Each structure stands twice: as structure tokens, then as C-alpha cells.
Amino acid sequence: QVQLAESGGGLVQPGGSLRLSCAASGLTLSKYSVNWYRQAPGKERGLVASIAPAGGLENYADSVKGRFTISRDNVKNTVYLQMNSLNTEDTAVYYCYSFGYWGQGTQVTVSS
């Protein structure tokens, strides 16, 4: 059974940082693209960042370029999303997705 489990969300002040993790079981993440999405209240779920398999080519939404970094740890079968310089517009539930599977999401709240 495939499971993706996000963690690392929480409450952070504007300008702060968080690192989200997406740990997989039953699926070898290094073989597939992995995407991070987010959904804010009243808004549609949107793609934040993606990382390709093998070569690890990364792509980012314009709103997070230069602030967020997606990366892999193939030994841990985990993908990370390092989020720096957070602002209130980054508040959302963050989901990871790979090969047709979604995680349960982790809440990120940016507030003073």
C-alpha cells in the first residue's frame, strides 16, 4: 500500500522558514516526479514546485522562485520543500503528490 506522509508544517512569523518533508512508503520516489501543491482557504489547489526523477530537474511557481527549494533524499525516500522568506500569502495546506498518490497535507500558517 502506497502512502505519502507530509510533515513539518506549523505556525511561523513572516520572514521565517520551514522545511516540509514528504516521506513515502510503498513507492520509490526516486523513480518518479514529485510535486508539492498548496491550497489556501477559498482557493484552488496549485502547483508550488516539482522535481523530476533521475536528473532531478526542478520547477517552481513564479510566486515562490528564489524562496523555496525542492530536494530529494533517495536513501530516506523523502522529498523536501525548504521554504524561506515566508509571507502571509504562503499560508495554505501543502500536499505532496507522486505517481497518482496524494499525501494528507500539512498546514502552514504565516502570521505575526
PDB file of N, CA and C in Angstrom:
ATOM      1  N   GLN A   1       0.848  -1.185   0.000  1.00  0.00           N
ATOM      2  CA  GLN A   1       0.000   0.000   0.000  1.00  0.00           C
ATOM      3  C   GLN A   1       0.891   1.245   0.000  1.00  0.00           C
ATOM      4  N   VAL A   2       0.572   2.172  -0.892  1.00  0.00           N
ATOM      5  CA  VAL A   2       1.365   3.380  -1.025  1.00  0.00           C
ATOM      6  C   VAL A   2       0.844   4.443  -0.070  1.00  0.00           C
ATOM      7  N   GLN A   3       1.762   5.078   0.620  1.00  0.00           N
ATOM      8  CA  GLN A   3       1.409   6.209   1.470  1.00  0.00           C
ATOM      9  C   GLN A   3       2.450   7.308   1.310  1.00  0.00           C
ATOM     10  N   LEU A   4       1.959   8.533   1.212  1.00  0.00           N
ATOM     11  CA  LEU A   4       2.803   9.712   1.258  1.00  0.00           C
ATOM     12  C   LEU A   4       2.436  10.486   2.511  1.00  0.00           C
ATOM     13  N   ALA A   5       3.421  10.816   3.308  1.00  0.00           N
ATOM     14  CA  ALA A   5       3.150  11.486   4.581  1.00  0.00           C
ATOM     15  C   ALA A   5       3.936  12.783   4.650  1.00  0.00           C
ATOM     16  N   GLU A   6       3.201  13.901   4.668  1.00  0.00           N
ATOM     17  CA  GLU A   6       3.841  15.198   4.821  1.00  0.00           C
ATOM     18  C   GLU A   6       4.008  15.529   6.312  1.00  0.00           C
ATOM     19  N   SER A   7       5.044  16.284   6.582  1.00  0.00           N
ATOM     20  CA  SER A   7       5.267  16.780   7.937  1.00  0.00           C
ATOM     21  C   SER A   7       6.071  18.059   7.853  1.00  0.00           C
ATOM     22  N   GLY A   8       6.160  18.745   8.968  1.00  0.00           N
ATOM     23  CA  GLY A   8       6.986  19.942   9.032  1.00  0.00           C
ATOM     24  C   GLY A   8       6.232  21.247   8.995  1.00  0.00           C
ATOM     25  N   GLY A   9       4.930  21.187   8.817  1.00  0.00           N
ATOM     26  CA  GLY A   9       4.154  22.420   8.820  1.00  0.00           C
ATOM     27  C   GLY A   9       4.047  23.010  10.212  1.00  0.00           C
ATOM     28  N   GLY A  10       3.491  24.208  10.278  1.00  0.00           N
ATOM     29  CA  GLY A  10       3.316  24.862  11.563  1.00  0.00           C
ATOM     30  C   GLY A  10       3.071  26.336  11.403  1.00  0.00           C
ATOM     31  N   LEU A  11       3.181  27.031  12.519  1.00  0.00           N
ATOM     32  CA  LEU A  11       2.993  28.477  12.564  1.00  0.00           C
ATOM     33  C   LEU A  11       4.359  29.154  12.562  1.00  0.00           C
ATOM     34  N   VAL A  12       4.530  30.110  11.678  1.00  0.00           N
ATOM     35  CA  VAL A  12       5.806  30.820  11.578  1.00  0.00           C
ATOM     36  C   VAL A  12       5.527  32.290  11.319  1.00  0.00           C
ATOM     37  N   GLN A  13       6.413  33.139  11.780  1.00  0.00           N
ATOM     38  CA  GLN A  13       6.254  34.573  11.549  1.00  0.00           C
ATOM     39  C   GLN A  13       6.705  34.942  10.142  1.00  0.00           C
ATOM     40  N   PRO A  14       6.179  36.029   9.608  1.00  0.00           N
ATOM     41  CA  PRO A  14       6.651  36.495   8.300  1.00  0.00           C
ATOM     42  C   PRO A  14       8.165  36.655   8.294  1.00  0.00           C
ATOM     43  N   GLY A  15       8.775  36.206   7.215  1.00  0.00           N
ATOM     44  CA  GLY A  15      10.222  36.218   7.097  1.00  0.00           C
ATOM     45  C   GLY A  15      10.898  34.949   7.581  1.00  0.00           C
ATOM     46  N   GLY A  16      10.123  34.091   8.212  1.00  0.00           N
ATOM     47  CA  GLY A  16      10.682  32.860   8.749  1.00  0.00           C
ATOM     48  C   GLY A  16      10.797  31.757   7.724  1.00  0.00           C
ATOM     49  N   SER A  17      11.234  30.597   8.215  1.00  0.00           N
ATOM     50  CA  SER A  17      11.476  29.444   7.344  1.00  0.00           C
ATOM     51  C   SER A  17      10.848  28.183   7.929  1.00  0.00           C
ATOM     52  N   LEU A  18      10.502  27.279   7.042  1.00  0.00           N
ATOM     53  CA  LEU A  18      10.060  25.940   7.411  1.00  0.00           C
ATOM     54  C   LEU A  18      10.593  24.965   6.386  1.00  0.00           C
ATOM     55  N   ARG A  19      10.775  23.727   6.804  1.00  0.00           N
ATOM     56  CA  ARG A  19      11.105  22.670   5.859  1.00  0.00           C
ATOM     57  C   ARG A  19      10.053  21.588   5.951  1.00  0.00           C
ATOM     58  N   LEU A  20       9.379  21.360   4.843  1.00  0.00           N
ATOM     59  CA  LEU A  20       8.380  20.299   4.763  1.00  0.00           C
ATOM     60  C   LEU A  20       9.029  19.025   4.256  1.00  0.00           C
ATOM     61  N   SER A  21       8.534  17.908   4.740  1.00  0.00           N
ATOM     62  CA  SER A  21       9.006  16.603   4.298  1.00  0.00           C
ATOM     63  C   SER A  21       7.846  15.799   3.726  1.00  0.00           C
ATOM     64  N   CYS A  22       8.148  15.028   2.713  1.00  0.00           N
ATOM     65  CA  CYS A  22       7.186  14.087   2.132  1.00  0.00           C
ATOM     66  C   CYS A  22       7.870  12.727   2.120  1.00  0.00           C
ATOM     67  N   ALA A  23       7.492  11.891   3.061  1.00  0.00           N
ATOM     68  CA  ALA A  23       8.084  10.565   3.179  1.00  0.00           C
ATOM     69  C   ALA A  23       7.151   9.536   2.564  1.00  0.00           C
ATOM     70  N   ALA A  24       7.715   8.646   1.777  1.00  0.00           N
ATOM     71  CA  ALA A  24       6.905   7.665   1.065  1.00  0.00           C
ATOM     72  C   ALA A  24       7.134   6.257   1.592  1.00  0.00           C
ATOM     73  N   SER A  25       6.076   5.483   1.556  1.00  0.00           N
ATOM     74  CA  SER A  25       6.181   4.043   1.776  1.00  0.00           C
ATOM     75  C   SER A  25       5.409   3.350   0.658  1.00  0.00           C
ATOM     76  N   GLY A  26       5.962   2.243   0.188  1.00  0.00           N
ATOM     77  CA  GLY A  26       5.314   1.520  -0.895  1.00  0.00           C
ATOM     78  C   GLY A  26       5.537   2.124  -2.267  1.00  0.00           C
ATOM     79  N   LEU A  27       6.355   3.156  -2.344  1.00  0.00           N
ATOM     80  CA  LEU A  27       6.637   3.835  -3.605  1.00  0.00           C
ATOM     81  C   LEU A  27       8.057   4.379  -3.540  1.00  0.00           C
ATOM     82  N   THR A  28       8.849   4.079  -4.546  1.00  0.00           N
ATOM     83  CA  THR A  28      10.228   4.588  -4.588  1.00  0.00           C
ATOM     84  C   THR A  28      10.220   5.933  -5.278  1.00  0.00           C
ATOM     85  N   LEU A  29      10.307   6.980  -4.491  1.00  0.00           N
ATOM     86  CA  LEU A  29      10.145   8.328  -5.028  1.00  0.00           C
ATOM     87  C   LEU A  29      11.194   8.688  -6.067  1.00  0.00           C
ATOM     88  N   SER A  30      12.374   8.108  -5.967  1.00  0.00           N
ATOM     89  CA  SER A  30      13.438   8.472  -6.904  1.00  0.00           C
ATOM     90  C   SER A  30      13.092   8.096  -8.350  1.00  0.00           C
ATOM     91  N   LYS A  31      12.124   7.215  -8.531  1.00  0.00           N
ATOM     92  CA  LYS A  31      11.743   6.775  -9.878  1.00  0.00           C
ATOM     93  C   LYS A  31      10.741   7.719 -10.541  1.00  0.00           C
ATOM     94  N   TYR A  32      10.159   8.637  -9.771  1.00  0.00           N
ATOM     95  CA  TYR A  32       9.042   9.432 -10.278  1.00  0.00           C
ATOM     96  C   TYR A  32       9.226  10.911  -9.980  1.00  0.00           C
ATOM     97  N   SER A  33       8.531  11.721 -10.758  1.00  0.00           N
ATOM     98  CA  SER A  33       8.434  13.124 -10.398  1.00  0.00           C
ATOM     99  C   SER A  33       7.633  13.259  -9.105  1.00  0.00           C
ATOM    100  N   VAL A  34       8.006  14.247  -8.330  1.00  0.00           N
ATOM    101  CA  VAL A  34       7.291  14.544  -7.087  1.00  0.00           C
ATOM    102  C   VAL A  34       6.944  16.021  -7.105  1.00  0.00           C
ATOM    103  N   ASN A  35       5.719  16.310  -6.797  1.00  0.00           N
ATOM    104  CA  ASN A  35       5.235  17.688  -6.801  1.00  0.00           C
ATOM    105  C   ASN A  35       4.767  18.105  -5.415  1.00  0.00           C
ATOM    106  N   TRP A  36       4.970  19.364  -5.108  1.00  0.00           N
ATOM    107  CA  TRP A  36       4.338  19.983  -3.954  1.00  0.00           C
ATOM    108  C   TRP A  36       3.249  20.932  -4.456  1.00  0.00           C
ATOM    109  N   TYR A  37       2.078  20.806  -3.878  1.00  0.00           N
ATOM    110  CA  TYR A  37       0.961  21.689  -4.159  1.00  0.00           C
ATOM    111  C   TYR A  37       0.563  22.397  -2.865  1.00  0.00           C
ATOM    112  N   ARG A  38      -0.208  23.451  -3.014  1.00  0.00           N
ATOM    113  CA  ARG A  38      -0.780  24.087  -1.836  1.00  0.00           C
ATOM    114  C   ARG A  38      -2.179  24.584  -2.154  1.00  0.00           C
ATOM    115  N   GLN A  39      -2.981  24.641  -1.100  1.00  0.00           N
ATOM    116  CA  GLN A  39      -4.347  25.129  -1.235  1.00  0.00           C
ATOM    117  C   GLN A  39      -4.671  26.024  -0.058  1.00  0.00           C
ATOM    118  N   ALA A  40      -4.935  27.274  -0.368  1.00  0.00           N
ATOM    119  CA  ALA A  40      -5.350  28.247   0.642  1.00  0.00           C
ATOM    120  C   ALA A  40      -6.873  28.251   0.735  1.00  0.00           C
ATOM    121  N   PRO A  41      -7.411  28.705   1.846  1.00  0.00           N
ATOM    122  CA  PRO A  41      -8.871  28.742   2.004  1.00  0.00           C
ATOM    123  C   PRO A  41      -9.538  29.520   0.872  1.00  0.00           C
ATOM    124  N   GLY A  42     -10.536  28.900   0.261  1.00  0.00           N
ATOM    125  CA  GLY A  42     -11.277  29.560  -0.800  1.00  0.00           C
ATOM    126  C   GLY A  42     -10.582  29.593  -2.147  1.00  0.00           C
ATOM    127  N   LYS A  43      -9.438  28.941  -2.239  1.00  0.00           N
ATOM    128  CA  LYS A  43      -8.685  28.953  -3.495  1.00  0.00           C
ATOM    129  C   LYS A  43      -8.476  27.527  -3.996  1.00  0.00           C
ATOM    130  N   GLU A  44      -8.167  27.427  -5.267  1.00  0.00           N
ATOM    131  CA  GLU A  44      -7.893  26.118  -5.845  1.00  0.00           C
ATOM    132  C   GLU A  44      -6.490  25.651  -5.463  1.00  0.00           C
ATOM    133  N   ARG A  45      -6.334  24.347  -5.495  1.00  0.00           N
ATOM    134  CA  ARG A  45      -5.012  23.775  -5.246  1.00  0.00           C
ATOM    135  C   ARG A  45      -4.107  24.111  -6.427  1.00  0.00           C
ATOM    136  N   GLY A  46      -2.906  24.572  -6.133  1.00  0.00           N
ATOM    137  CA  GLY A  46      -1.981  24.967  -7.182  1.00  0.00           C
ATOM    138  C   GLY A  46      -0.598  24.379  -6.978  1.00  0.00           C
ATOM    139  N   LEU A  47       0.100  24.187  -8.081  1.00  0.00           N
ATOM    140  CA  LEU A  47       1.436  23.617  -8.043  1.00  0.00           C
ATOM    141  C   LEU A  47       2.441  24.638  -7.523  1.00  0.00           C
ATOM    142  N   VAL A  48       3.245  24.187  -6.584  1.00  0.00           N
ATOM    143  CA  VAL A  48       4.270  25.053  -5.994  1.00  0.00           C
ATOM    144  C   VAL A  48       5.650  24.723  -6.559  1.00  0.00           C
ATOM    145  N   ALA A  49       5.977  23.432  -6.565  1.00  0.00           N
ATOM    146  CA  ALA A  49       7.307  23.024  -7.005  1.00  0.00           C
ATOM    147  C   ALA A  49       7.252  21.569  -7.448  1.00  0.00           C
ATOM    148  N   SER A  50       8.157  21.216  -8.326  1.00  0.00           N
ATOM    149  CA  SER A  50       8.246  19.835  -8.768  1.00  0.00           C
ATOM    150  C   SER A  50       9.703  19.466  -8.981  1.00  0.00           C
ATOM    151  N   ILE A  51       9.967  18.181  -8.843  1.00  0.00           N
ATOM    152  CA  ILE A  51      11.318  17.672  -9.077  1.00  0.00           C
ATOM    153  C   ILE A  51      11.199  16.408  -9.895  1.00  0.00           C
ATOM    154  N   ALA A  52      11.991  16.343 -10.950  1.00  0.00           N
ATOM    155  CA  ALA A  52      11.956  15.198 -11.850  1.00  0.00           C
ATOM    156  C   ALA A  52      12.761  14.051 -11.270  1.00  0.00           C
ATOM    157  N   PRO A  53      12.507  12.850 -11.747  1.00  0.00           N
ATOM    158  CA  PRO A  53      13.335  11.724 -11.309  1.00  0.00           C
ATOM    159  C   PRO A  53      14.729  11.809 -11.913  1.00  0.00           C
ATOM    160  N   ALA A  54      15.590  10.949 -11.502  1.00  0.00           N
ATOM    161  CA  ALA A  54      16.931  10.820 -12.062  1.00  0.00           C
ATOM    162  C   ALA A  54      17.693  12.139 -12.006  1.00  0.00           C
ATOM    163  N   GLY A  55      17.598  12.947 -13.035  1.00  0.00           N
ATOM    164  CA  GLY A  55      18.362  14.191 -13.092  1.00  0.00           C
ATOM    165  C   GLY A  55      17.909  15.240 -12.115  1.00  0.00           C
ATOM    166  N   GLY A  56      16.682  15.084 -11.604  1.00  0.00           N
ATOM    167  CA  GLY A  56      16.230  15.987 -10.562  1.00  0.00           C
ATOM    168  C   GLY A  56      15.946  17.396 -11.014  1.00  0.00           C
ATOM    169  N   LEU A  57      15.558  17.596 -12.289  1.00  0.00           N
ATOM    170  CA  LEU A  57      15.234  18.935 -12.774  1.00  0.00           C
ATOM    171  C   LEU A  57      14.102  19.515 -11.937  1.00  0.00           C
ATOM    172  N   GLU A  58      14.283  20.759 -11.497  1.00  0.00           N
ATOM    173  CA  GLU A  58      13.332  21.403 -10.620  1.00  0.00           C
ATOM    174  C   GLU A  58      12.558  22.492 -11.354  1.00  0.00           C
ATOM    175  N   ASN A  59      11.297  22.649 -10.944  1.00  0.00           N
ATOM    176  CA  ASN A  59      10.477  23.747 -11.442  1.00  0.00           C
ATOM    177  C   ASN A  59       9.709  24.359 -10.289  1.00  0.00           C
ATOM    178  N   TYR A  60       9.482  25.666 -10.396  1.00  0.00           N
ATOM    179  CA  TYR A  60       8.822  26.390  -9.315  1.00  0.00           C
ATOM    180  C   TYR A  60       7.768  27.337  -9.861  1.00  0.00           C
ATOM    181  N   ALA A  61       6.730  27.531  -9.071  1.00  0.00           N
ATOM    182  CA  ALA A  61       5.779  28.584  -9.380  1.00  0.00           C
ATOM    183  C   ALA A  61       6.479  29.930  -9.248  1.00  0.00           C
ATOM    184  N   ASP A  62       6.072  30.880 -10.055  1.00  0.00           N
ATOM    185  CA  ASP A  62       6.719  32.198 -10.025  1.00  0.00           C
ATOM    186  C   ASP A  62       6.661  32.820  -8.630  1.00  0.00           C
ATOM    187  N   SER A  63       5.596  32.552  -7.912  1.00  0.00           N
ATOM    188  CA  SER A  63       5.403  33.183  -6.605  1.00  0.00           C
ATOM    189  C   SER A  63       6.386  32.703  -5.546  1.00  0.00           C
ATOM    190  N   VAL A  64       7.062  31.571  -5.808  1.00  0.00           N
ATOM    191  CA  VAL A  64       7.982  31.034  -4.789  1.00  0.00           C
ATOM    192  C   VAL A  64       9.419  30.958  -5.283  1.00  0.00           C
ATOM    193  N   LYS A  65       9.663  31.295  -6.530  1.00  0.00           N
ATOM    194  CA  LYS A  65      11.029  31.233  -7.071  1.00  0.00           C
ATOM    195  C   LYS A  65      11.969  32.085  -6.245  1.00  0.00           C
ATOM    196  N   GLY A  66      13.123  31.502  -5.938  1.00  0.00           N
ATOM    197  CA  GLY A  66      14.114  32.209  -5.158  1.00  0.00           C
ATOM    198  C   GLY A  66      13.909  32.102  -3.660  1.00  0.00           C
ATOM    199  N   ARG A  67      12.749  31.579  -3.249  1.00  0.00           N
ATOM    200  CA  ARG A  67      12.470  31.437  -1.810  1.00  0.00           C
ATOM    201  C   ARG A  67      12.330  29.976  -1.394  1.00  0.00           C
ATOM    202  N   PHE A  68      11.793  29.153  -2.280  1.00  0.00           N
ATOM    203  CA  PHE A  68      11.552  27.743  -1.968  1.00  0.00           C
ATOM    204  C   PHE A  68      12.537  26.875  -2.749  1.00  0.00           C
ATOM    205  N   THR A  69      12.921  25.761  -2.146  1.00  0.00           N
ATOM    206  CA  THR A  69      13.797  24.804  -2.809  1.00  0.00           C
ATOM    207  C   THR A  69      13.277  23.395  -2.565  1.00  0.00           C
ATOM    208  N   ILE A  70      13.111  22.654  -3.646  1.00  0.00           N
ATOM    209  CA  ILE A  70      12.691  21.253  -3.543  1.00  0.00           C
ATOM    210  C   ILE A  70      13.924  20.370  -3.700  1.00  0.00           C
ATOM    211  N   SER A  71      13.973  19.290  -2.934  1.00  0.00           N
ATOM    212  CA  SER A  71      15.136  18.407  -2.999  1.00  0.00           C
ATOM    213  C   SER A  71      14.733  16.991  -2.616  1.00  0.00           C
ATOM    214  N   ARG A  72      15.628  16.067  -2.901  1.00  0.00           N
ATOM    215  CA  ARG A  72      15.370  14.647  -2.620  1.00  0.00           C
ATOM    216  C   ARG A  72      16.438  14.087  -1.693  1.00  0.00           C
ATOM    217  N   ASP A  73      16.037  13.108  -0.892  1.00  0.00           N
ATOM    218  CA  ASP A  73      16.968  12.231  -0.202  1.00  0.00           C
ATOM    219  C   ASP A  73      16.538  10.817  -0.560  1.00  0.00           C
ATOM    220  N   ASN A  74      17.218  10.240  -1.533  1.00  0.00           N
ATOM    221  CA  ASN A  74      16.795   8.928  -2.032  1.00  0.00           C
ATOM    222  C   ASN A  74      16.999   7.829  -1.006  1.00  0.00           C
ATOM    223  N   VAL A  75      17.967   7.988  -0.136  1.00  0.00           N
ATOM    224  CA  VAL A  75      18.194   6.981   0.908  1.00  0.00           C
ATOM    225  C   VAL A  75      17.000   6.951   1.858  1.00  0.00           C
ATOM    226  N   LYS A  76      16.491   8.128   2.187  1.00  0.00           N
ATOM    227  CA  LYS A  76      15.358   8.214   3.101  1.00  0.00           C
ATOM    228  C   LYS A  76      14.013   8.127   2.373  1.00  0.00           C
ATOM    229  N   ASN A  77      14.069   8.069   1.031  1.00  0.00           N
ATOM    230  CA  ASN A  77      12.839   8.016   0.236  1.00  0.00           C
ATOM    231  C   ASN A  77      11.919   9.182   0.598  1.00  0.00           C
ATOM    232  N   THR A  78      12.512  10.344   0.638  1.00  0.00           N
ATOM    233  CA  THR A  78      11.823  11.551   1.100  1.00  0.00           C
ATOM    234  C   THR A  78      12.144  12.712   0.172  1.00  0.00           C
ATOM    235  N   VAL A  79      11.145  13.556  -0.039  1.00  0.00           N
ATOM    236  CA  VAL A  79      11.332  14.805  -0.767  1.00  0.00           C
ATOM    237  C   VAL A  79      11.030  15.950   0.185  1.00  0.00           C
ATOM    238  N   TYR A  80      11.821  16.992   0.090  1.00  0.00           N
ATOM    239  CA  TYR A  80      11.696  18.127   0.988  1.00  0.00           C
ATOM    240  C   TYR A  80      11.283  19.381   0.218  1.00  0.00           C
ATOM    241  N   LEU A  81      10.682  20.284   0.952  1.00  0.00           N
ATOM    242  CA  LEU A  81      10.433  21.623   0.427  1.00  0.00           C
ATOM    243  C   LEU A  81      10.925  22.608   1.477  1.00  0.00           C
ATOM    244  N   GLN A  82      12.076  23.208   1.183  1.00  0.00           N
ATOM    245  CA  GLN A  82      12.630  24.237   2.064  1.00  0.00           C
ATOM    246  C   GLN A  82      11.983  25.564   1.688  1.00  0.00           C
ATOM    247  N   MET A  83      11.360  26.205   2.655  1.00  0.00           N
ATOM    248  CA  MET A  83      10.632  27.444   2.405  1.00  0.00           C
ATOM    249  C   MET A  83      11.244  28.559   3.241  1.00  0.00           C
ATOM    250  N   ASN A  84      11.783  29.558   2.573  1.00  0.00           N
ATOM    251  CA  ASN A  84      12.410  30.697   3.239  1.00  0.00           C
ATOM    252  C   ASN A  84      11.642  31.979   2.917  1.00  0.00           C
ATOM    253  N   SER A  85      11.898  32.998   3.694  1.00  0.00           N
ATOM    254  CA  SER A  85      11.269  34.307   3.484  1.00  0.00           C
ATOM    255  C   SER A  85       9.759  34.174   3.331  1.00  0.00           C
ATOM    256  N   LEU A  86       9.170  33.440   4.229  1.00  0.00           N
ATOM    257  CA  LEU A  86       7.732  33.186   4.143  1.00  0.00           C
ATOM    258  C   LEU A  86       6.939  34.456   4.376  1.00  0.00           C
ATOM    259  N   ASN A  87       5.825  34.577   3.678  1.00  0.00           N
ATOM    260  CA  ASN A  87       4.915  35.691   3.888  1.00  0.00           C
ATOM    261  C   ASN A  87       3.486  35.161   4.061  1.00  0.00           C
ATOM    262  N   THR A  88       2.590  36.032   4.407  1.00  0.00           N
ATOM    263  CA  THR A  88       1.229  35.601   4.738  1.00  0.00           C
ATOM    264  C   THR A  88       0.536  34.916   3.567  1.00  0.00           C
ATOM    265  N   GLU A  89       0.942  35.259   2.359  1.00  0.00           N
ATOM    266  CA  GLU A  89       0.324  34.634   1.181  1.00  0.00           C
ATOM    267  C   GLU A  89       0.756  33.188   0.997  1.00  0.00           C
ATOM    268  N   ASP A  90       1.731  32.742   1.752  1.00  0.00           N
ATOM    269  CA  ASP A  90       2.156  31.342   1.696  1.00  0.00           C
ATOM    270  C   ASP A  90       1.319  30.460   2.609  1.00  0.00           C
ATOM    271  N   THR A  91       0.436  31.054   3.386  1.00  0.00           N
ATOM    272  CA  THR A  91      -0.432  30.281   4.267  1.00  0.00           C
ATOM    273  C   THR A  91      -1.350  29.378   3.450  1.00  0.00           C
ATOM    274  N   ALA A  92      -1.285  28.089   3.735  1.00  0.00           N
ATOM    275  CA  ALA A  92      -2.055  27.108   2.970  1.00  0.00           C
ATOM    276  C   ALA A  92      -1.814  25.723   3.559  1.00  0.00           C
ATOM    277  N   VAL A  93      -2.595  24.780   3.078  1.00  0.00           N
ATOM    278  CA  VAL A  93      -2.283  23.372   3.316  1.00  0.00           C
ATOM    279  C   VAL A  93      -1.403  22.916   2.153  1.00  0.00           C
ATOM    280  N   TYR A  94      -0.285  22.298   2.482  1.00  0.00           N
ATOM    281  CA  TYR A  94       0.678  21.851   1.489  1.00  0.00           C
ATOM    282  C   TYR A  94       0.588  20.332   1.340  1.00  0.00           C
ATOM    283  N   TYR A  95       0.523  19.905   0.083  1.00  0.00           N
ATOM    284  CA  TYR A  95       0.373  18.491  -0.247  1.00  0.00           C
ATOM    285  C   TYR A  95       1.515  18.049  -1.144  1.00  0.00           C
ATOM    286  N   CYS A  96       1.971  16.823  -0.955  1.00  0.00           N
ATOM    287  CA  CYS A  96       2.873  16.241  -1.938  1.00  0.00           C
ATOM    288  C   CYS A  96       2.096  15.220  -2.778  1.00  0.00           C
ATOM    289  N   TYR A  97       2.601  15.037  -4.005  1.00  0.00           N
ATOM    290  CA  TYR A  97       1.930  14.189  -4.981  1.00  0.00           C
ATOM    291  C   TYR A  97       2.980  13.479  -5.817  1.00  0.00           C
ATOM    292  N   SER A  98       2.757  12.185  -6.029  1.00  0.00           N
ATOM    293  CA  SER A  98       3.636  11.437  -6.918  1.00  0.00           C
ATOM    294  C   SER A  98       2.918  10.200  -7.441  1.00  0.00           C
ATOM    295  N   PHE A  99       3.008   9.996  -8.719  1.00  0.00           N
ATOM    296  CA  PHE A  99       2.542   8.777  -9.390  1.00  0.00           C
ATOM    297  C   PHE A  99       1.081   8.476  -9.049  1.00  0.00           C
ATOM    298  N   GLY A 100       0.277   9.505  -8.966  1.00  0.00           N
ATOM    299  CA  GLY A 100      -1.147   9.319  -8.723  1.00  0.00           C
ATOM    300  C   GLY A 100      -1.552   9.299  -7.267  1.00  0.00           C
ATOM    301  N   TYR A 101      -0.596   9.471  -6.384  1.00  0.00           N
ATOM    302  CA  TYR A 101      -0.876   9.407  -4.954  1.00  0.00           C
ATOM    303  C   TYR A 101      -0.679  10.775  -4.308  1.00  0.00           C
ATOM    304  N   TRP A 102      -1.600  11.083  -3.368  1.00  0.00           N
ATOM    305  CA  TRP A 102      -1.533  12.325  -2.603  1.00  0.00           C
ATOM    306  C   TRP A 102      -1.275  12.028  -1.137  1.00  0.00           C
ATOM    307  N   GLY A 103      -0.557  12.931  -0.499  1.00  0.00           N
ATOM    308  CA  GLY A 103      -0.462  12.882   0.945  1.00  0.00           C
ATOM    309  C   GLY A 103      -1.668  13.539   1.570  1.00  0.00           C
ATOM    310  N   GLN A 104      -1.696  13.551   2.900  1.00  0.00           N
ATOM    311  CA  GLN A 104      -2.852  14.083   3.628  1.00  0.00           C
ATOM    312  C   GLN A 104      -2.765  15.594   3.818  1.00  0.00           C
ATOM    313  N   GLY A 105      -1.609  16.148   3.584  1.00  0.00           N
ATOM    314  CA  GLY A 105      -1.419  17.589   3.707  1.00  0.00           C
ATOM    315  C   GLY A 105      -0.878  18.003   5.062  1.00  0.00           C
ATOM    316  N   THR A 106      -0.198  19.135   5.057  1.00  0.00           N
ATOM    317  CA  THR A 106       0.314  19.720   6.295  1.00  0.00           C
ATOM    318  C   THR A 106       0.049  21.224   6.247  1.00  0.00           C
ATOM    319  N   GLN A 107      -0.441  21.759   7.350  1.00  0.00           N
ATOM    320  CA  GLN A 107      -0.839  23.160   7.406  1.00  0.00           C
ATOM    321  C   GLN A 107       0.370  24.049   7.648  1.00  0.00           C
ATOM    322  N   VAL A 108       0.492  25.074   6.838  1.00  0.00           N
ATOM    323  CA  VAL A 108       1.494  26.120   7.041  1.00  0.00           C
ATOM    324  C   VAL A 108       0.746  27.429   7.253  1.00  0.00           C
ATOM    325  N   THR A 109       1.018  28.058   8.381  1.00  0.00           N
ATOM    326  CA  THR A 109       0.389  29.337   8.691  1.00  0.00           C
ATOM    327  C   THR A 109       1.474  30.365   8.946  1.00  0.00           C
ATOM    328  N   VAL A 110       1.446  31.440   8.173  1.00  0.00           N
ATOM    329  CA  VAL A 110       2.414  32.520   8.323  1.00  0.00           C
ATOM    330  C   VAL A 110       1.671  33.715   8.896  1.00  0.00           C
ATOM    331  N   SER A 111       2.025  34.050  10.118  1.00  0.00           N
ATOM    332  CA  SER A 111       1.297  35.121  10.803  1.00  0.00           C
ATOM    333  C   SER A 111       2.154  35.705  11.912  1.00  0.00           C
ATOM    334  N   SER A 112       1.978  37.000  12.128  1.00  0.00           N
ATOM    335  CA  SER A 112       2.676  37.642  13.239  1.00  0.00           C
ATOM    336  C   SER A 112       1.816  37.634  14.494  1.00  0.00           C
TER     337      SER A 112
END
